[in-house]
Amino acid sequence: MYAVGLGATKPTVATGAPSPMPPAAATGVFMLNFDFQPNAPPTPGMMLINRWFVAPPGPVFAGLTPNFVGLYQINFVVQSPPAGLLPCARSLEVGDNPYASVLSNLTVTLIGRTSFDGAQICVDANTP
């Protein structure tokens, strides 16, 4: 996932300068929320596991993308999809109702200290 505006990094990179290699890591605390509902909007929140609410997992890496200016990358591992996950529509034909079609079956939300945003993607439940 790519983003802008995630804040300070370590090491510090001058404004307008490309990110070094190895990449500078974001110093903020970030969590991820995985929502396997069709066409779900980004949402922050807690996950329910064995009747306990737990904080969502963090990304593997959040920091600047090497050789780019101000572009952050967030690396994460997609959790195992639940049973019964609906497949995404391969294409919409003329006249199809996009609101009745599965355009995404996973929304990944990046949660920061003061904001959140997400990306809708399609995953194949049959791929291990």
C-alpha atoms as a PDB file:
ATOM      1  CA  MET A   1       0.000   0.000   0.000  1.00  0.00           C
ATOM      2  CA  TYR A   2       1.294   3.488  -0.780  1.00  0.00           C
ATOM      3  CA  ALA A   3       0.510   6.677   1.139  1.00  0.00           C
ATOM      4  CA  VAL A   4       1.587  10.269   1.688  1.00  0.00           C
ATOM      5  CA  GLY A   5       1.768  12.303   4.870  1.00  0.00           C
ATOM      6  CA  LEU A   6       2.723   9.622   7.412  1.00  0.00           C
ATOM      7  CA  GLY A   7       5.050  11.990   9.261  1.00  0.00           C
ATOM      8  CA  ALA A   8       8.599  11.880  10.574  1.00  0.00           C
ATOM      9  CA  THR A   9      11.090   9.182   9.669  1.00  0.00           C
ATOM     10  CA  LYS A  10      14.205   7.656  11.126  1.00  0.00           C
ATOM     11  CA  PRO A  11      16.691   8.583   9.827  1.00  0.00           C
ATOM     12  CA  THR A  12      15.390  12.061   9.069  1.00  0.00           C
ATOM     13  CA  VAL A  13      15.138  12.884   5.364  1.00  0.00           C
ATOM     14  CA  ALA A  14      15.288  16.510   4.203  1.00  0.00           C
ATOM     15  CA  THR A  15      12.094  17.936   2.710  1.00  0.00           C
ATOM     16  CA  GLY A  16      12.128  17.430  -1.062  1.00  0.00           C
ATOM     17  CA  ALA A  17      14.953  14.879  -0.957  1.00  0.00           C
ATOM     18  CA  PRO A  18      14.462  11.335  -2.262  1.00  0.00           C
ATOM     19  CA  SER A  19      14.344   8.558   0.291  1.00  0.00           C
ATOM     20  CA  PRO A  20      17.671   6.831   0.916  1.00  0.00           C
ATOM     21  CA  MET A  21      18.441   3.137   0.592  1.00  0.00           C
ATOM     22  CA  PRO A  22      17.873   1.389   2.949  1.00  0.00           C
ATOM     23  CA  PRO A  23      14.549   3.214   3.296  1.00  0.00           C
ATOM     24  CA  ALA A  24      13.778   5.546   6.187  1.00  0.00           C
ATOM     25  CA  ALA A  25      11.147   4.074   8.524  1.00  0.00           C
ATOM     26  CA  ALA A  26       8.129   6.087   9.688  1.00  0.00           C
ATOM     27  CA  THR A  27       8.357   6.825  13.408  1.00  0.00           C
ATOM     28  CA  GLY A  28       4.602   6.794  14.077  1.00  0.00           C
ATOM     29  CA  VAL A  29       2.629   3.847  15.379  1.00  0.00           C
ATOM     30  CA  PHE A  30       0.390   2.275  12.754  1.00  0.00           C
ATOM     31  CA  MET A  31      -2.118  -0.571  12.860  1.00  0.00           C
ATOM     32  CA  LEU A  32      -4.054  -2.385  10.142  1.00  0.00           C
ATOM     33  CA  ASN A  33      -7.666  -3.459   9.970  1.00  0.00           C
ATOM     34  CA  PHE A  34      -8.682  -6.228   7.535  1.00  0.00           C
ATOM     35  CA  ASP A  35     -12.382  -6.207   6.592  1.00  0.00           C
ATOM     36  CA  PHE A  36     -13.421  -9.105   4.339  1.00  0.00           C
ATOM     37  CA  GLN A  37     -16.907  -7.683   3.659  1.00  0.00           C
ATOM     38  CA  PRO A  38     -17.800  -6.920   0.026  1.00  0.00           C
ATOM     39  CA  ASN A  39     -17.177  -3.297  -0.986  1.00  0.00           C
ATOM     40  CA  ALA A  40     -16.501  -2.221   2.622  1.00  0.00           C
ATOM     41  CA  PRO A  41     -15.364   1.333   3.359  1.00  0.00           C
ATOM     42  CA  PRO A  42     -12.147   1.936   5.349  1.00  0.00           C
ATOM     43  CA  THR A  43     -12.844   1.639   9.088  1.00  0.00           C
ATOM     44  CA  PRO A  44     -10.654   1.769  12.163  1.00  0.00           C
ATOM     45  CA  GLY A  45     -11.459  -0.544  14.993  1.00  0.00           C
ATOM     46  CA  MET A  46     -10.790  -3.528  17.121  1.00  0.00           C
ATOM     47  CA  MET A  47     -10.918  -7.143  16.006  1.00  0.00           C
ATOM     48  CA  LEU A  48     -12.932  -9.810  17.824  1.00  0.00           C
ATOM     49  CA  ILE A  49     -10.919 -13.001  18.380  1.00  0.00           C
ATOM     50  CA  ASN A  50     -12.262 -15.731  20.683  1.00  0.00           C
ATOM     51  CA  ARG A  51     -14.705 -13.250  22.240  1.00  0.00           C
ATOM     52  CA  TRP A  52     -11.883 -10.789  23.085  1.00  0.00           C
ATOM     53  CA  PHE A  53     -11.384  -7.441  21.400  1.00  0.00           C
ATOM     54  CA  VAL A  54      -7.749  -7.070  20.385  1.00  0.00           C
ATOM     55  CA  ALA A  55      -5.826  -4.328  18.636  1.00  0.00           C
ATOM     56  CA  PRO A  56      -5.298  -4.950  14.933  1.00  0.00           C
ATOM     57  CA  PRO A  57      -1.824  -6.035  13.806  1.00  0.00           C
ATOM     58  CA  GLY A  58       0.789  -3.590  12.641  1.00  0.00           C
ATOM     59  CA  PRO A  59       2.411  -3.487   9.219  1.00  0.00           C
ATOM     60  CA  VAL A  60       5.664  -5.331   8.495  1.00  0.00           C
ATOM     61  CA  PHE A  61       7.163  -1.995   7.382  1.00  0.00           C
ATOM     62  CA  ALA A  62       5.944   1.599   7.107  1.00  0.00           C
ATOM     63  CA  GLY A  63       8.371   4.139   5.705  1.00  0.00           C
ATOM     64  CA  LEU A  64       9.578   6.059   2.693  1.00  0.00           C
ATOM     65  CA  THR A  65       9.805   4.373  -0.697  1.00  0.00           C
ATOM     66  CA  PRO A  66      13.471   4.351  -1.862  1.00  0.00           C
ATOM     67  CA  ASN A  67      14.335   6.996  -4.492  1.00  0.00           C
ATOM     68  CA  PHE A  68      10.912   8.696  -4.248  1.00  0.00           C
ATOM     69  CA  VAL A  69      10.137  12.045  -2.634  1.00  0.00           C
ATOM     70  CA  GLY A  70       7.445  11.953   0.072  1.00  0.00           C
ATOM     71  CA  LEU A  71       5.978   8.588  -0.962  1.00  0.00           C
ATOM     72  CA  TYR A  72       5.545   6.081   1.847  1.00  0.00           C
ATOM     73  CA  GLN A  73       5.056   2.360   1.433  1.00  0.00           C
ATOM     74  CA  ILE A  74       3.280   0.089   3.875  1.00  0.00           C
ATOM     75  CA  ASN A  75       4.189  -3.596   3.644  1.00  0.00           C
ATOM     76  CA  PHE A  76       1.811  -6.087   5.228  1.00  0.00           C
ATOM     77  CA  VAL A  77       0.763  -9.717   5.095  1.00  0.00           C
ATOM     78  CA  VAL A  78      -2.863 -10.398   4.216  1.00  0.00           C
ATOM     79  CA  GLN A  79      -4.576 -12.537   6.833  1.00  0.00           C
ATOM     80  CA  SER A  80      -6.167 -15.819   5.795  1.00  0.00           C
ATOM     81  CA  PRO A  81      -9.557 -15.126   4.207  1.00  0.00           C
ATOM     82  CA  PRO A  82     -12.592 -16.469   6.065  1.00  0.00           C
ATOM     83  CA  ALA A  83     -14.624 -19.360   4.688  1.00  0.00           C
ATOM     84  CA  GLY A  84     -17.319 -18.279   2.271  1.00  0.00           C
ATOM     85  CA  LEU A  85     -15.458 -15.223   0.963  1.00  0.00           C
ATOM     86  CA  LEU A  86     -17.288 -13.918  -2.098  1.00  0.00           C
ATOM     87  CA  PRO A  87     -15.222 -13.639  -5.301  1.00  0.00           C
ATOM     88  CA  CYS A  88     -14.882 -10.284  -7.033  1.00  0.00           C
ATOM     89  CA  ALA A  89     -16.668  -9.665 -10.311  1.00  0.00           C
ATOM     90  CA  ARG A  90     -14.233 -10.244 -13.179  1.00  0.00           C
ATOM     91  CA  SER A  91     -15.907  -7.533 -15.257  1.00  0.00           C
ATOM     92  CA  LEU A  92     -19.155  -5.631 -15.362  1.00  0.00           C
ATOM     93  CA  GLU A  93     -21.272  -5.939 -18.477  1.00  0.00           C
ATOM     94  CA  VAL A  94     -23.317  -3.067 -19.851  1.00  0.00           C
ATOM     95  CA  GLY A  95     -26.383  -2.719 -17.666  1.00  0.00           C
ATOM     96  CA  ASP A  96     -24.905  -4.493 -14.631  1.00  0.00           C
ATOM     97  CA  ASN A  97     -25.548  -2.760 -11.331  1.00  0.00           C
ATOM     98  CA  PRO A  98     -22.138  -1.973  -9.764  1.00  0.00           C
ATOM     99  CA  TYR A  99     -23.813  -1.557  -6.357  1.00  0.00           C
ATOM    100  CA  ALA A 100     -25.001  -5.174  -6.501  1.00  0.00           C
ATOM    101  CA  SER A 101     -21.601  -6.533  -7.589  1.00  0.00           C
ATOM    102  CA  VAL A 102     -18.584  -7.480  -5.498  1.00  0.00           C
ATOM    103  CA  LEU A 103     -15.952  -4.998  -6.669  1.00  0.00           C
ATOM    104  CA  SER A 104     -13.644  -5.689  -3.705  1.00  0.00           C
ATOM    105  CA  ASN A 105     -13.738  -8.401  -1.047  1.00  0.00           C
ATOM    106  CA  LEU A 106     -11.063  -7.024   1.284  1.00  0.00           C
ATOM    107  CA  THR A 107     -10.585  -3.492   2.600  1.00  0.00           C
ATOM    108  CA  VAL A 108      -7.252  -2.878   4.307  1.00  0.00           C
ATOM    109  CA  THR A 109      -7.327   0.172   6.586  1.00  0.00           C
ATOM    110  CA  LEU A 110      -4.146   1.863   7.783  1.00  0.00           C
ATOM    111  CA  ILE A 111      -4.793   3.390  11.200  1.00  0.00           C
ATOM    112  CA  GLY A 112      -2.564   6.150  12.545  1.00  0.00           C
ATOM    113  CA  ARG A 113      -2.729   8.101  15.776  1.00  0.00           C
ATOM    114  CA  THR A 114      -5.097  10.758  14.430  1.00  0.00           C
ATOM    115  CA  SER A 115      -6.444   9.433  11.137  1.00  0.00           C
ATOM    116  CA  PHE A 116      -7.157   6.382   9.011  1.00  0.00           C
ATOM    117  CA  ASP A 117      -7.560   5.515   5.350  1.00  0.00           C
ATOM    118  CA  GLY A 118      -7.760   2.323   3.366  1.00  0.00           C
ATOM    119  CA  ALA A 119      -7.601   0.501   0.094  1.00  0.00           C
ATOM    120  CA  GLN A 120     -10.124  -1.920  -1.367  1.00  0.00           C
ATOM    121  CA  ILE A 121      -8.608  -4.977  -3.058  1.00  0.00           C
ATOM    122  CA  CYS A 122      -9.638  -8.398  -4.299  1.00  0.00           C
ATOM    123  CA  VAL A 123      -8.171 -11.591  -2.881  1.00  0.00           C
ATOM    124  CA  ASP A 124      -8.586 -15.148  -4.089  1.00  0.00           C
ATOM    125  CA  ALA A 125      -9.800 -17.347  -1.240  1.00  0.00           C
ATOM    126  CA  ASN A 126      -8.448 -20.402  -3.048  1.00  0.00           C
ATOM    127  CA  THR A 127      -4.828 -19.201  -3.030  1.00  0.00           C
ATOM    128  CA  PRO A 128      -2.882 -20.364   0.042  1.00  0.00           C
END
